[in-house]
Protein backbone atom coordinates (compact mmCIF):
# COMPACT_ATOMS: atom_id res chain seq x y z
CA MET A 1 3.20 13.90 -9.56
CA ARG A 2 4.98 12.08 -6.56
CA ILE A 3 7.28 9.68 -7.14
CA GLY A 4 9.51 7.54 -4.61
CA ILE A 5 9.99 4.01 -3.14
CA HIS A 6 9.37 1.83 -0.03
CA VAL A 7 12.86 2.35 2.25
CA SER A 8 14.54 0.53 4.92
CA ILE A 9 14.25 1.70 8.42
CA ALA A 10 17.47 -0.32 9.36
CA GLY A 11 19.38 1.96 12.37
CA LYS A 12 17.34 4.80 13.60
CA ILE A 13 13.73 5.13 11.67
CA TYR A 14 14.29 8.79 10.10
CA GLU A 15 17.61 7.45 8.12
CA ALA A 16 14.54 5.90 5.91
CA LEU A 17 13.82 9.67 5.02
CA GLU A 18 17.42 9.95 4.28
CA ARG A 19 18.03 7.25 1.95
CA GLY A 20 14.32 8.20 0.57
CA HIS A 21 16.65 11.60 -0.28
CA ALA A 22 19.57 10.06 -1.53
CA ALA A 23 17.08 7.73 -3.93
CA GLY A 24 15.74 11.02 -5.48
CA CYS A 25 12.31 10.60 -3.77
CA ASP A 26 9.67 13.07 -2.34
CA THR A 27 7.55 10.60 -1.02
CA ILE A 28 8.24 7.17 1.07
CA GLN A 29 6.71 4.30 2.48
CA ILE A 30 8.28 2.19 5.26
CA PHE A 31 7.36 -0.15 7.96
CA SER A 32 7.56 1.51 11.49
CA ARG A 33 9.20 -1.29 12.58
CA ASN A 34 9.66 -5.46 12.08
CA PRO A 35 6.65 -6.41 9.69
CA ARG A 36 7.64 -10.12 10.79
CA GLY A 37 7.51 -10.17 14.66
CA TRP A 38 4.91 -8.71 17.18
CA GLN A 39 6.81 -7.20 19.03
CA ALA A 40 8.15 -3.32 18.75
CA ALA A 41 9.96 -1.25 20.78
CA LYS A 42 8.64 1.90 21.35
CA LEU A 43 9.77 4.93 19.24
CA ASP A 44 12.24 7.06 20.90
CA LYS A 45 10.70 11.14 21.36
CA ASP A 46 13.72 12.32 20.24
CA ASP A 47 13.56 9.77 16.64
CA VAL A 48 10.44 10.86 16.21
CA SER A 49 11.28 14.67 16.43
CA GLU A 50 14.27 13.97 13.40
CA PHE A 51 11.97 12.16 11.67
CA LYS A 52 9.53 15.34 11.02
CA ALA A 53 12.18 17.62 10.83
CA LEU A 54 13.54 15.46 8.13
CA LYS A 55 10.09 15.02 6.71
CA ALA A 56 9.38 19.04 6.77
CA LYS A 57 13.51 19.59 5.17
CA TYR A 58 13.08 17.44 2.28
CA ASP A 59 9.51 17.68 1.71
CA ILE A 60 8.88 14.48 1.43
CA ARG A 61 4.86 13.57 1.50
CA PRO A 62 3.12 11.22 2.10
CA VAL A 63 4.74 9.21 4.43
CA VAL A 64 2.97 5.73 4.10
CA VAL A 65 3.50 2.99 6.75
CA HIS A 66 2.32 -0.82 5.80
CA ILE A 67 0.91 -3.21 7.97
CA PRO A 68 3.22 -6.35 8.91
CA TYR A 69 2.73 -8.82 7.09
CA ILE A 70 1.73 -10.77 10.20
CA ILE A 71 -1.50 -8.89 11.16
CA ASN A 72 -4.38 -11.01 9.63
CA LEU A 73 -7.99 -9.00 9.99
CA ALA A 74 -10.08 -11.80 7.76
CA THR A 75 -8.76 -14.56 10.05
CA PRO A 76 -11.62 -17.32 11.91
CA ASP A 77 -8.75 -18.28 14.43
CA ASP A 78 -10.53 -15.63 17.48
CA LYS A 79 -7.35 -15.63 19.09
CA LEU A 80 -5.26 -14.17 16.15
CA TYR A 81 -7.91 -11.79 15.69
CA LYS A 82 -8.06 -10.00 18.50
CA ARG A 83 -4.19 -9.94 18.86
CA SER A 84 -4.16 -8.43 15.02
CA ILE A 85 -6.65 -5.96 16.38
CA LYS A 86 -4.55 -5.09 19.48
CA ALA A 87 -1.49 -5.01 16.80
CA TYR A 88 -2.94 -2.70 14.60
CA ILE A 89 -4.43 -0.11 16.80
CA GLU A 90 -0.59 -0.46 18.26
CA ASP A 91 0.81 0.31 14.75
CA ILE A 92 -1.82 3.15 13.73
CA LYS A 93 -0.19 5.08 16.51
CA ARG A 94 2.99 4.61 15.58
CA ALA A 95 2.06 6.08 12.19
CA ASP A 96 0.05 8.79 14.05
CA LEU A 97 2.94 9.31 16.06
CA LEU A 98 5.39 10.35 13.15
CA GLY A 99 2.96 12.32 11.47
CA ALA A 100 2.23 9.66 8.45
CA GLU A 101 -0.39 10.47 5.84
CA TYR A 102 -1.23 7.13 5.05
CA PHE A 103 -1.20 3.45 6.54
CA VAL A 104 -1.57 0.96 3.35
CA THR A 105 -3.41 -1.64 4.87
CA HIS A 106 -3.84 -5.19 3.45
CA LEU A 107 -6.91 -7.16 3.87
CA GLY A 108 -5.59 -10.71 5.30
CA SER A 109 -6.80 -14.68 4.88
CA HIS A 110 -10.23 -15.72 4.90
CA VAL A 111 -7.80 -19.16 5.87
CA GLY A 112 -10.62 -21.30 4.09
CA SER A 113 -13.89 -19.92 6.06
CA GLY A 114 -14.94 -18.18 3.17
CA GLU A 115 -15.01 -15.16 1.14
CA ASP A 116 -18.04 -13.70 2.91
CA LYS A 117 -17.05 -14.59 6.52
CA GLY A 118 -13.59 -12.76 5.89
CA ILE A 119 -14.86 -9.43 4.39
CA GLY A 120 -17.25 -9.91 7.19
CA ARG A 121 -14.53 -10.06 10.23
CA PHE A 122 -12.27 -7.62 8.17
CA SER A 123 -15.26 -4.93 8.24
CA SER A 124 -15.85 -5.50 11.57
CA ALA A 125 -11.99 -5.39 13.31
CA LEU A 126 -11.66 -1.96 11.07
CA ASN A 127 -14.79 -0.33 12.67
CA GLU A 128 -13.81 -1.44 15.76
CA ILE A 129 -10.13 -0.35 15.07
CA ILE A 130 -11.51 3.40 14.22
CA GLU A 131 -13.65 3.41 17.08
CA LYS A 132 -10.82 2.87 19.81
CA ALA A 133 -7.87 4.62 17.61
CA ARG A 134 -9.10 7.61 15.96
CA PRO A 135 -6.14 7.58 13.98
CA LYS A 136 -5.64 11.20 12.16
CA THR A 137 -3.46 9.11 9.48
CA ASN A 138 -5.72 7.90 6.19
CA ILE A 139 -6.17 3.88 6.07
CA LEU A 140 -5.72 2.77 2.44
CA LEU A 141 -7.13 -1.09 1.96
CA GLU A 142 -5.07 -2.48 -0.40
CA THR A 143 -6.04 -4.02 -3.71
CA THR A 144 -4.24 -8.31 -3.59
CA ALA A 145 -3.11 -10.72 -5.76
CA GLY A 146 -5.67 -12.91 -4.73
CA SER A 147 -3.04 -15.46 -3.16
CA GLY A 148 -4.24 -18.50 -1.39
CA SER A 149 -7.51 -17.84 0.71
CA TRP A 150 -6.78 -13.56 0.61
CA ILE A 151 -9.20 -11.70 0.10
CA GLY A 152 -9.15 -8.22 -1.49
CA TYR A 153 -8.61 -9.36 -5.15
CA GLU A 154 -11.61 -8.38 -6.35
CA PHE A 155 -12.87 -4.33 -6.41
CA GLU A 156 -16.18 -5.75 -5.23
CA HIS A 157 -14.03 -6.96 -2.15
CA ILE A 158 -13.11 -3.59 -1.31
CA GLY A 159 -16.35 -1.69 -2.15
CA ARG A 160 -18.69 -4.35 0.32
CA ILE A 161 -15.89 -3.35 3.29
CA ILE A 162 -15.34 0.44 2.84
CA GLU A 163 -19.64 0.27 2.90
CA ALA A 164 -20.16 -1.65 5.96
CA LEU A 165 -17.82 1.09 7.76
CA ASN A 166 -19.87 3.31 10.43
CA ASP A 167 -16.77 5.99 10.15
CA ARG A 168 -15.27 5.63 6.28
CA LYS A 169 -14.08 9.40 5.68
CA ASN A 170 -10.18 8.56 6.53
CA VAL A 171 -10.72 5.45 4.50
CA ASN A 172 -9.19 4.66 0.92
CA VAL A 173 -7.02 2.93 -1.12
CA CYS A 174 -4.02 1.94 -2.46
CA PHE A 175 -4.10 0.36 -6.15
CA ASP A 176 -1.05 -2.01 -6.41
CA THR A 177 -0.89 -2.58 -10.15
CA ALA A 178 1.29 -5.96 -9.85
CA HIS A 179 -1.19 -7.35 -7.95
CA VAL A 180 -4.39 -6.12 -9.92
CA PHE A 181 -2.79 -7.31 -12.93
CA GLU A 182 -1.97 -10.78 -11.21
CA ALA A 183 -5.37 -10.99 -9.68
CA GLY A 184 -7.07 -11.10 -13.75
CA TYR A 185 -7.59 -6.83 -14.41
CA ASP A 186 -5.49 -6.99 -17.61
CA ILE A 187 -3.67 -2.91 -17.12
CA LYS A 188 -1.35 -4.33 -20.06
CA THR A 189 -3.37 -2.76 -23.06
CA THR A 190 -4.97 0.50 -23.25
CA GLU A 191 -8.93 -0.77 -23.51
CA GLY A 192 -7.62 -3.45 -20.53
CA LEU A 193 -6.20 -0.38 -18.02
CA ASN A 194 -9.63 1.95 -19.28
CA SER A 195 -11.95 -0.73 -18.55
CA THR A 196 -10.52 -1.45 -14.92
CA LEU A 197 -10.11 1.56 -14.07
CA LYS A 198 -14.44 2.28 -15.29
CA GLU A 199 -14.75 -1.15 -13.29
CA PHE A 200 -12.77 0.73 -10.08
CA ASP A 201 -14.78 4.00 -10.47
CA LYS A 202 -18.23 2.15 -10.24
CA LEU A 203 -17.95 -0.15 -7.39
CA ILE A 204 -15.21 2.23 -5.28
CA GLY A 205 -14.57 5.60 -7.12
CA LEU A 206 -11.22 6.56 -8.32
CA GLU A 207 -10.85 9.26 -6.10
CA LEU A 208 -10.10 7.42 -3.42
CA ILE A 209 -6.82 5.95 -4.83
CA LYS A 210 -4.46 8.05 -3.04
CA VAL A 211 -1.53 5.61 -3.62
CA VAL A 212 -0.58 3.38 -6.29
CA HIS A 213 1.92 0.94 -5.73
CA PHE A 214 3.97 1.22 -9.06
CA ASN A 215 5.55 -2.57 -9.38
CA ASP A 216 5.97 -4.63 -12.29
CA SER A 217 5.02 -8.39 -12.14
CA LYS A 218 7.13 -11.16 -12.21
CA SER A 219 3.82 -13.56 -12.40
CA PRO A 220 1.22 -13.45 -15.71
CA LEU A 221 -2.11 -12.08 -15.99
CA SER A 222 -4.73 -13.77 -13.76
CA SER A 223 -1.87 -16.01 -12.04
CA HIS A 224 -2.84 -14.87 -8.36
CA VAL A 225 0.51 -15.11 -7.18
CA ASP A 226 2.32 -12.06 -5.84
CA ARG A 227 5.70 -11.33 -7.08
CA HIS A 228 7.37 -8.20 -8.05
CA GLU A 229 9.20 -7.31 -10.50
CA TYR A 230 11.70 -3.95 -11.79
CA LEU A 231 9.68 -1.26 -13.99
CA GLY A 232 9.48 -2.54 -17.37
CA LYS A 233 11.01 -6.51 -16.40
CA GLY A 234 7.95 -8.24 -16.29
CA LYS A 235 4.63 -8.85 -17.43
CA ILE A 236 2.89 -5.80 -17.71
CA GLY A 237 5.88 -3.87 -19.18
CA LEU A 238 7.27 -0.47 -20.19
CA ALA A 239 4.30 0.82 -22.21
CA ALA A 240 1.90 -0.20 -20.16
CA LEU A 241 3.35 1.13 -17.14
CA ALA A 242 3.86 4.51 -18.53
CA ARG A 243 -0.09 4.45 -19.91
CA ILE A 244 -0.98 4.53 -16.17
CA ILE A 245 1.46 6.72 -14.50
CA ASN A 246 0.18 8.98 -17.51
CA HIS A 247 -3.46 8.50 -16.88
CA PRO A 248 -5.88 11.21 -15.82
CA LYS A 249 -7.28 9.61 -13.63
CA LEU A 250 -4.56 8.63 -11.12
CA LYS A 251 -2.78 12.05 -11.51
CA ASN A 252 -3.52 12.73 -7.77
CA ALA A 253 -1.90 9.67 -6.36
CA ALA A 254 0.97 9.27 -5.18
CA PHE A 255 3.55 6.29 -6.75
CA ILE A 256 5.65 4.03 -5.07
CA MET A 257 7.62 1.84 -5.95
CA GLU A 258 8.14 -2.12 -4.03
CA THR A 259 10.22 -3.49 -6.75
CA PRO A 260 13.08 -5.97 -5.52
CA LYS A 261 16.74 -4.41 -4.66
CA GLU A 262 19.62 -6.27 -5.39
CA LYS A 263 22.63 -3.39 -5.95
CA GLU A 264 23.30 -0.60 -3.85
CA ASP A 265 21.83 1.61 -6.24
CA ASP A 266 18.44 0.11 -7.50
CA ASP A 267 16.28 2.21 -5.89
CA ARG A 268 17.64 5.49 -7.43
CA MET A 269 17.61 3.52 -10.83
CA SER A 270 13.34 2.64 -10.27
CA VAL A 271 12.94 6.16 -9.42
CA ASN A 272 14.93 7.29 -12.28
CA THR A 273 12.99 5.12 -14.42
CA ALA A 274 9.62 6.23 -13.23
CA ARG A 275 10.45 10.05 -13.54
CA ARG A 276 11.12 9.45 -17.41
CA MET A 277 7.98 7.55 -18.23
CA TYR A 278 6.51 10.10 -16.73
CA LYS A 279 5.32 12.95 -18.75
CA GLY A 280 3.95 15.72 -16.81
CA ARG A 281 6.61 17.35 -15.50
């Protein structure tokens, strides 16, 4: 079981690997640039070389790059849609340059145009991106909480997108525990977790889950409010999270936390908490 956390890329991008290693990670997630702006400085060749060297030295894998927040492939706004496709291609090429194994992708918001149109727009955009970028990294479609007009909060949405792709061999899924709970899947109970995974398997396929975003939730079940919490401090709870990380159907996924960081040692605390839960070692 690979366990890690989302780490900062402040300073040089390879410093993220130093931070991850210091926190006890053997997998990490990063943004490859500022996630809230369109402009991205070109990755320095020496920094990329050092990134790859440290990745190998510390045996940190997979490295997961997360899509910037500003990209919306489900938007009905043609200008934003085209800009989002362009930025996505640039970003996934950055992930390839870094040798990242996975590229986590939120599904975006239909902004009132309707779920069917949003799903259609996203699927068309991803087809165009894959054809133009030919990425080596594996695209992971992330489950969402369903806030506002976001798509991806029902497993059916993800299944429909994958079905619409011309080339789906490098497209899989990131299963976010907080988002799934907030979307209305009761993973808090043993019966609910098994039922949720059974439904996921029927609509998508459990073998497609490559990364689990391992987060507790500040928000209650079915709230559609996306708010992460420290493991065991939220509405899902430690017992339920322990069942998830030890579930045999998820044993091949990397578990990465996106929990709050209020103090310097919070990342190590979260990683240690997850490791204590896991019974497979």
